[in-house]
Amino acid sequence: MKMTQKTAFILAVLLVLGSAWGKARLTFSSMQKQLDVVYTEGVDHDGQSIAQDIQAKQNTARNCVTIARRYDSAINASLIIAVENAAENLDQAGSMSERRRLETKLDTAFASLSSALLEASLSQKDEAYVVGFMSEYLASQDRIERDPYHEKAAAVLKDTAGWFPSLLQKLTASSLDIYQIGG
């Protein structure tokens, strides 16, 4: 079987395009894996990560629910249910954007519940617990906002900005799922 020059040229072009497509897809996949590891394990792989801090917020919110259940008559049950649902749904989140949206729901639900608790007639001990929970929750949020993950994510976004990387992402059906404060 003879190969014409035209056929050889078409095969060479297809081979080059296929290699470029494969390399681009592998590169985007690698970038996503690196970000996911930093998100879950921390920049130094020490466990101090956004995922750990979100888990701490969930635990703190659940502890606040425990206190709220002692005051069922003074606290609207929908506030307790909102915190429980938000914390539970956050465990089931499938993407970073969904996780961030559900985390915002937890933030809102926790703020509402803790405010309602402080307005209720709590024992001195329980009031101190609620104030402590609020401090813990805010500390977790502060750690999230200052986490080095954001610098890594910004660098990846910068590296993938522009029309050509954007085109490659579309052609390879790749997208970067990045945790971003504020959305």
C-alpha atoms as a PDB file:
ATOM      1  CA  MET A   1       0.000   0.000   0.000  1.00  0.00           C
ATOM      2  CA  LYS A   2       1.499   3.274  -1.093  1.00  0.00           C
ATOM      3  CA  MET A   3       1.167   6.383   0.967  1.00  0.00           C
ATOM      4  CA  THR A   4       0.931   9.567  -0.950  1.00  0.00           C
ATOM      5  CA  GLN A   5       2.596  12.732   0.199  1.00  0.00           C
ATOM      6  CA  LYS A   6      -0.776  14.253   0.967  1.00  0.00           C
ATOM      7  CA  THR A   7      -1.796  11.279   3.145  1.00  0.00           C
ATOM      8  CA  ALA A   8       1.528  11.371   4.984  1.00  0.00           C
ATOM      9  CA  PHE A   9       1.131  15.096   5.609  1.00  0.00           C
ATOM     10  CA  ILE A  10      -2.427  14.626   6.953  1.00  0.00           C
ATOM     11  CA  LEU A  11      -1.265  11.821   9.242  1.00  0.00           C
ATOM     12  CA  ALA A  12       1.624  13.970  10.528  1.00  0.00           C
ATOM     13  CA  VAL A  13      -0.725  16.885  11.231  1.00  0.00           C
ATOM     14  CA  LEU A  14      -3.176  14.583  13.024  1.00  0.00           C
ATOM     15  CA  LEU A  15      -0.345  13.099  15.065  1.00  0.00           C
ATOM     16  CA  VAL A  16       0.904  16.561  16.106  1.00  0.00           C
ATOM     17  CA  LEU A  17      -2.613  17.770  16.940  1.00  0.00           C
ATOM     18  CA  GLY A  18      -3.371  14.594  18.879  1.00  0.00           C
ATOM     19  CA  SER A  19      -0.161  14.924  20.866  1.00  0.00           C
ATOM     20  CA  ALA A  20      -0.881  18.579  21.649  1.00  0.00           C
ATOM     21  CA  TRP A  21      -4.430  17.744  22.683  1.00  0.00           C
ATOM     22  CA  GLY A  22      -3.229  14.912  24.942  1.00  0.00           C
ATOM     23  CA  LYS A  23      -0.496  17.050  26.495  1.00  0.00           C
ATOM     24  CA  ALA A  24      -2.911  19.922  27.173  1.00  0.00           C
ATOM     25  CA  ARG A  25      -5.447  17.594  28.778  1.00  0.00           C
ATOM     26  CA  LEU A  26      -2.724  16.016  30.918  1.00  0.00           C
ATOM     27  CA  THR A  27      -1.438  19.447  31.953  1.00  0.00           C
ATOM     28  CA  PHE A  28      -4.874  20.697  33.034  1.00  0.00           C
ATOM     29  CA  SER A  29      -5.508  17.442  34.870  1.00  0.00           C
ATOM     30  CA  SER A  30      -2.167  17.756  36.652  1.00  0.00           C
ATOM     31  CA  MET A  31      -2.902  21.357  37.660  1.00  0.00           C
ATOM     32  CA  GLN A  32      -6.272  20.298  39.086  1.00  0.00           C
ATOM     33  CA  LYS A  33      -4.721  17.420  41.048  1.00  0.00           C
ATOM     34  CA  GLN A  34      -2.079  19.748  42.522  1.00  0.00           C
ATOM     35  CA  LEU A  35      -4.749  22.218  43.634  1.00  0.00           C
ATOM     36  CA  ASP A  36      -6.904  19.432  45.070  1.00  0.00           C
ATOM     37  CA  VAL A  37      -3.975  18.149  47.136  1.00  0.00           C
ATOM     38  CA  VAL A  38      -3.251  21.635  48.494  1.00  0.00           C
ATOM     39  CA  TYR A  39      -6.973  22.075  49.260  1.00  0.00           C
ATOM     40  CA  THR A  40      -7.205  18.792  51.207  1.00  0.00           C
ATOM     41  CA  GLU A  41      -3.688  18.342  52.626  1.00  0.00           C
ATOM     42  CA  GLY A  42      -2.318  21.869  52.815  1.00  0.00           C
ATOM     43  CA  VAL A  43       0.539  23.503  50.987  1.00  0.00           C
ATOM     44  CA  ASP A  44       3.093  21.659  53.144  1.00  0.00           C
ATOM     45  CA  HIS A  45       1.079  18.386  53.113  1.00  0.00           C
ATOM     46  CA  ASP A  46       0.652  18.776  56.887  1.00  0.00           C
ATOM     47  CA  GLY A  47      -3.138  18.675  56.983  1.00  0.00           C
ATOM     48  CA  GLN A  48      -3.461  22.387  57.703  1.00  0.00           C
ATOM     49  CA  SER A  49      -5.749  23.096  54.807  1.00  0.00           C
ATOM     50  CA  ILE A  50      -8.965  24.704  53.710  1.00  0.00           C
ATOM     51  CA  ALA A  51     -10.688  21.318  53.870  1.00  0.00           C
ATOM     52  CA  GLN A  52      -9.618  20.935  57.512  1.00  0.00           C
ATOM     53  CA  ASP A  53     -10.840  24.430  58.364  1.00  0.00           C
ATOM     54  CA  ILE A  54     -14.200  23.820  56.680  1.00  0.00           C
ATOM     55  CA  GLN A  55     -14.492  20.608  58.694  1.00  0.00           C
ATOM     56  CA  ALA A  56     -13.726  22.621  61.835  1.00  0.00           C
ATOM     57  CA  LYS A  57     -16.525  25.055  60.919  1.00  0.00           C
ATOM     58  CA  GLN A  58     -18.927  22.137  60.459  1.00  0.00           C
ATOM     59  CA  ASN A  59     -17.961  20.650  63.838  1.00  0.00           C
ATOM     60  CA  THR A  60     -18.311  24.013  65.572  1.00  0.00           C
ATOM     61  CA  ALA A  61     -21.724  24.557  63.992  1.00  0.00           C
ATOM     62  CA  ARG A  62     -22.828  21.084  65.106  1.00  0.00           C
ATOM     63  CA  ASN A  63     -21.628  21.827  68.644  1.00  0.00           C
ATOM     64  CA  CYS A  64     -23.707  24.993  68.580  1.00  0.00           C
ATOM     65  CA  VAL A  65     -26.732  22.891  67.570  1.00  0.00           C
ATOM     66  CA  THR A  66     -26.167  20.750  70.673  1.00  0.00           C
ATOM     67  CA  ILE A  67     -26.502  23.850  72.853  1.00  0.00           C
ATOM     68  CA  ALA A  68     -29.512  25.089  70.852  1.00  0.00           C
ATOM     69  CA  ARG A  69     -31.354  21.795  71.419  1.00  0.00           C
ATOM     70  CA  ARG A  70     -31.292  22.544  75.166  1.00  0.00           C
ATOM     71  CA  TYR A  71     -33.375  25.637  74.464  1.00  0.00           C
ATOM     72  CA  ASP A  72     -35.943  24.238  72.002  1.00  0.00           C
ATOM     73  CA  SER A  73     -38.694  26.474  73.341  1.00  0.00           C
ATOM     74  CA  ALA A  74     -36.639  29.661  72.878  1.00  0.00           C
ATOM     75  CA  ILE A  75     -34.957  28.821  69.557  1.00  0.00           C
ATOM     76  CA  ASN A  76     -36.806  28.493  66.273  1.00  0.00           C
ATOM     77  CA  ALA A  77     -36.416  24.888  65.104  1.00  0.00           C
ATOM     78  CA  SER A  78     -35.863  26.046  61.511  1.00  0.00           C
ATOM     79  CA  LEU A  79     -32.583  27.684  62.600  1.00  0.00           C
ATOM     80  CA  ILE A  80     -31.340  24.402  64.033  1.00  0.00           C
ATOM     81  CA  ILE A  81     -32.460  22.434  60.988  1.00  0.00           C
ATOM     82  CA  ALA A  82     -30.790  24.948  58.654  1.00  0.00           C
ATOM     83  CA  VAL A  83     -27.427  24.444  60.376  1.00  0.00           C
ATOM     84  CA  GLU A  84     -27.801  20.657  60.420  1.00  0.00           C
ATOM     85  CA  ASN A  85     -28.771  20.533  56.742  1.00  0.00           C
ATOM     86  CA  ALA A  86     -26.016  22.914  55.668  1.00  0.00           C
ATOM     87  CA  ALA A  87     -23.363  20.925  57.553  1.00  0.00           C
ATOM     88  CA  GLU A  88     -24.674  17.619  56.160  1.00  0.00           C
ATOM     89  CA  ASN A  89     -24.993  18.875  52.577  1.00  0.00           C
ATOM     90  CA  LEU A  90     -21.462  20.258  52.685  1.00  0.00           C
ATOM     91  CA  ASP A  91     -20.197  16.711  53.245  1.00  0.00           C
ATOM     92  CA  GLN A  92     -21.945  15.670  50.020  1.00  0.00           C
ATOM     93  CA  ALA A  93     -20.657  18.511  47.789  1.00  0.00           C
ATOM     94  CA  GLY A  94     -19.308  17.302  44.457  1.00  0.00           C
ATOM     95  CA  SER A  95     -17.380  20.321  43.202  1.00  0.00           C
ATOM     96  CA  MET A  96     -15.474  23.270  44.587  1.00  0.00           C
ATOM     97  CA  SER A  97     -18.127  25.729  43.452  1.00  0.00           C
ATOM     98  CA  GLU A  98     -20.859  23.651  45.069  1.00  0.00           C
ATOM     99  CA  ARG A  99     -18.746  23.281  48.221  1.00  0.00           C
ATOM    100  CA  ARG A 100     -18.246  27.046  48.361  1.00  0.00           C
ATOM    101  CA  ARG A 101     -21.975  27.704  47.844  1.00  0.00           C
ATOM    102  CA  LEU A 102     -22.885  25.266  50.607  1.00  0.00           C
ATOM    103  CA  GLU A 103     -20.217  26.680  52.901  1.00  0.00           C
ATOM    104  CA  THR A 104     -21.829  30.105  52.471  1.00  0.00           C
ATOM    105  CA  LYS A 105     -25.165  28.546  53.468  1.00  0.00           C
ATOM    106  CA  LEU A 106     -23.514  27.112  56.576  1.00  0.00           C
ATOM    107  CA  ASP A 107     -22.006  30.525  57.386  1.00  0.00           C
ATOM    108  CA  THR A 108     -25.428  32.165  57.154  1.00  0.00           C
ATOM    109  CA  ALA A 109     -27.197  29.423  59.114  1.00  0.00           C
ATOM    110  CA  PHE A 110     -24.551  29.422  61.855  1.00  0.00           C
ATOM    111  CA  ALA A 111     -24.669  33.215  62.180  1.00  0.00           C
ATOM    112  CA  SER A 112     -28.464  33.138  62.496  1.00  0.00           C
ATOM    113  CA  LEU A 113     -28.440  30.344  65.060  1.00  0.00           C
ATOM    114  CA  SER A 114     -25.660  31.815  67.180  1.00  0.00           C
ATOM    115  CA  SER A 115     -27.356  35.248  67.158  1.00  0.00           C
ATOM    116  CA  ALA A 116     -30.659  33.691  68.216  1.00  0.00           C
ATOM    117  CA  LEU A 117     -28.887  31.816  71.000  1.00  0.00           C
ATOM    118  CA  LEU A 118     -27.269  34.980  72.324  1.00  0.00           C
ATOM    119  CA  GLU A 119     -30.680  36.686  72.361  1.00  0.00           C
ATOM    120  CA  ALA A 120     -32.223  33.773  74.311  1.00  0.00           C
ATOM    121  CA  SER A 121     -31.964  33.346  78.054  1.00  0.00           C
ATOM    122  CA  LEU A 122     -29.042  30.955  78.242  1.00  0.00           C
ATOM    123  CA  SER A 123     -27.232  29.751  81.310  1.00  0.00           C
ATOM    124  CA  GLN A 124     -23.943  31.529  81.884  1.00  0.00           C
ATOM    125  CA  LYS A 125     -22.065  28.378  80.956  1.00  0.00           C
ATOM    126  CA  ASP A 126     -23.990  27.880  77.688  1.00  0.00           C
ATOM    127  CA  GLU A 127     -23.619  31.536  76.759  1.00  0.00           C
ATOM    128  CA  ALA A 128     -19.856  31.180  77.207  1.00  0.00           C
ATOM    129  CA  TYR A 129     -19.953  28.087  74.984  1.00  0.00           C
ATOM    130  CA  VAL A 130     -21.822  29.960  72.236  1.00  0.00           C
ATOM    131  CA  VAL A 131     -19.399  32.892  72.379  1.00  0.00           C
ATOM    132  CA  GLY A 132     -16.534  30.385  72.191  1.00  0.00           C
ATOM    133  CA  PHE A 133     -18.138  28.665  69.213  1.00  0.00           C
ATOM    134  CA  MET A 134     -18.476  31.996  67.440  1.00  0.00           C
ATOM    135  CA  SER A 135     -14.786  32.701  68.057  1.00  0.00           C
ATOM    136  CA  GLU A 136     -13.761  29.252  66.806  1.00  0.00           C
ATOM    137  CA  TYR A 137     -15.909  29.640  63.707  1.00  0.00           C
ATOM    138  CA  LEU A 138     -14.448  33.052  62.889  1.00  0.00           C
ATOM    139  CA  ALA A 139     -10.926  31.745  63.468  1.00  0.00           C
ATOM    140  CA  SER A 140     -11.549  28.932  60.975  1.00  0.00           C
ATOM    141  CA  GLN A 141     -12.875  31.435  58.447  1.00  0.00           C
ATOM    142  CA  ASP A 142      -9.826  33.640  58.959  1.00  0.00           C
ATOM    143  CA  ARG A 143      -7.495  30.681  58.345  1.00  0.00           C
ATOM    144  CA  ILE A 144      -9.417  29.850  55.160  1.00  0.00           C
ATOM    145  CA  GLU A 145      -9.049  33.398  53.876  1.00  0.00           C
ATOM    146  CA  ARG A 146      -5.301  33.451  54.578  1.00  0.00           C
ATOM    147  CA  ASP A 147      -4.566  29.924  53.322  1.00  0.00           C
ATOM    148  CA  PRO A 148      -1.663  29.643  50.804  1.00  0.00           C
ATOM    149  CA  TYR A 149      -4.015  27.671  48.531  1.00  0.00           C
ATOM    150  CA  HIS A 150      -5.323  30.987  47.235  1.00  0.00           C
ATOM    151  CA  GLU A 151      -1.847  32.012  46.020  1.00  0.00           C
ATOM    152  CA  LYS A 152      -1.433  28.682  44.234  1.00  0.00           C
ATOM    153  CA  ALA A 153      -4.890  28.962  42.682  1.00  0.00           C
ATOM    154  CA  ALA A 154      -4.191  32.530  41.538  1.00  0.00           C
ATOM    155  CA  ALA A 155      -0.949  31.370  39.901  1.00  0.00           C
ATOM    156  CA  VAL A 156      -2.806  28.578  38.085  1.00  0.00           C
ATOM    157  CA  LEU A 157      -5.504  30.994  36.955  1.00  0.00           C
ATOM    158  CA  LYS A 158      -2.819  33.380  35.705  1.00  0.00           C
ATOM    159  CA  ASP A 159      -1.074  30.560  33.831  1.00  0.00           C
ATOM    160  CA  THR A 160      -4.333  29.533  32.194  1.00  0.00           C
ATOM    161  CA  ALA A 161      -5.561  33.042  31.386  1.00  0.00           C
ATOM    162  CA  GLY A 162      -5.759  34.233  27.819  1.00  0.00           C
ATOM    163  CA  TRP A 163      -7.405  33.060  24.672  1.00  0.00           C
ATOM    164  CA  PHE A 164      -5.068  30.168  23.845  1.00  0.00           C
ATOM    165  CA  PRO A 165      -5.228  28.327  27.210  1.00  0.00           C
ATOM    166  CA  SER A 166      -8.951  29.019  27.256  1.00  0.00           C
ATOM    167  CA  LEU A 167      -9.288  27.501  23.790  1.00  0.00           C
ATOM    168  CA  LEU A 168      -7.249  24.462  24.857  1.00  0.00           C
ATOM    169  CA  GLN A 169      -9.482  23.991  27.895  1.00  0.00           C
ATOM    170  CA  LYS A 170     -12.533  24.008  25.667  1.00  0.00           C
ATOM    171  CA  LEU A 171     -10.985  21.686  23.096  1.00  0.00           C
ATOM    172  CA  THR A 172      -9.870  19.200  25.742  1.00  0.00           C
ATOM    173  CA  ALA A 173     -13.120  19.484  27.729  1.00  0.00           C
ATOM    174  CA  SER A 174     -11.032  20.434  30.745  1.00  0.00           C
ATOM    175  CA  SER A 175     -11.987  22.932  33.371  1.00  0.00           C
ATOM    176  CA  LEU A 176     -10.315  23.891  36.594  1.00  0.00           C
ATOM    177  CA  ASP A 177     -12.502  23.566  39.679  1.00  0.00           C
ATOM    178  CA  ILE A 178     -11.031  26.142  42.051  1.00  0.00           C
ATOM    179  CA  TYR A 179     -12.182  27.090  45.554  1.00  0.00           C
ATOM    180  CA  GLN A 180     -12.592  30.859  45.549  1.00  0.00           C
ATOM    181  CA  ILE A 181     -13.524  33.158  48.394  1.00  0.00           C
ATOM    182  CA  GLY A 182     -16.620  35.112  47.519  1.00  0.00           C
ATOM    183  CA  GLY A 183     -18.010  32.711  44.946  1.00  0.00           C
END
